[in-house]
Amino acid sequence: MPTYTIAQVAKEFQVSVATVKRWIKAGKIKALPLGHRTVRITQEEVDRIKKQGLRK
């Protein structure tokens, strides 16, 4: 399953990197931690956001 960086997701949704970080912190996007400061977002999560939006 492909994964994406915060910057890639920001580009996909035409928002800033800071916005994606806020979404992750708020729990609107699930991110997989890979290290102290590194996270990835799965293709499944990107597809969910495209389909459902960011409301929970």
Protein backbone atom coordinates (compact mmCIF):
# COMPACT_ATOMS: atom_id res chain seq x y z
CA MET A 1 0.00 0.00 0.00
CA PRO A 2 1.52 3.35 -0.99
CA THR A 3 2.11 6.03 1.63
CA TYR A 4 2.46 9.78 1.31
CA THR A 5 4.38 12.51 3.08
CA ILE A 6 2.66 15.48 4.64
CA ALA A 7 3.91 17.64 1.75
CA GLN A 8 2.45 15.26 -0.84
CA VAL A 9 -0.95 15.26 0.89
CA ALA A 10 -0.85 19.06 1.16
CA LYS A 11 -0.20 19.32 -2.57
CA GLU A 12 -2.97 16.82 -3.38
CA PHE A 13 -5.55 18.84 -1.41
CA GLN A 14 -4.08 22.25 -2.31
CA VAL A 15 -3.48 23.29 1.30
CA SER A 16 -0.36 24.15 3.26
CA VAL A 17 1.86 21.69 5.09
CA ALA A 18 0.84 23.44 8.32
CA THR A 19 -2.83 22.71 7.56
CA VAL A 20 -2.16 18.99 7.12
CA LYS A 21 -0.20 18.97 10.39
CA ARG A 22 -3.18 20.62 12.13
CA TRP A 23 -5.53 18.01 10.64
CA ILE A 24 -3.29 15.23 11.96
CA LYS A 25 -3.05 16.82 15.41
CA ALA A 26 -6.85 17.29 15.50
CA GLY A 27 -7.37 13.63 14.59
CA LYS A 28 -8.98 14.40 11.23
CA ILE A 29 -6.28 12.45 9.38
CA LYS A 30 -4.69 9.23 10.62
CA ALA A 31 -0.92 9.25 10.18
CA LEU A 32 1.59 6.46 10.71
CA PRO A 33 4.60 7.51 12.79
CA LEU A 34 7.91 6.36 11.32
CA GLY A 35 10.22 8.14 13.71
CA HIS A 36 10.49 11.09 16.03
CA ARG A 37 9.42 13.65 13.42
CA THR A 38 8.43 11.53 10.43
CA VAL A 39 4.92 10.40 9.55
CA ARG A 40 3.23 8.93 6.49
CA ILE A 41 -0.38 8.93 5.38
CA THR A 42 -1.72 5.80 3.68
CA GLN A 43 -3.43 5.72 0.30
CA GLU A 44 -6.50 4.36 2.08
CA GLU A 45 -6.64 7.46 4.30
CA VAL A 46 -6.23 9.81 1.34
CA ASP A 47 -9.05 8.00 -0.47
CA ARG A 48 -11.25 8.24 2.63
CA ILE A 49 -10.70 11.99 2.82
CA LYS A 50 -11.50 12.40 -0.88
CA LYS A 51 -14.71 10.40 -0.47
CA GLN A 52 -15.96 11.57 2.94
CA GLY A 53 -14.21 14.86 3.53
CA LEU A 54 -12.62 15.73 6.85
CA ARG A 55 -15.71 15.70 9.06
CA LYS A 56 -16.02 12.87 11.54
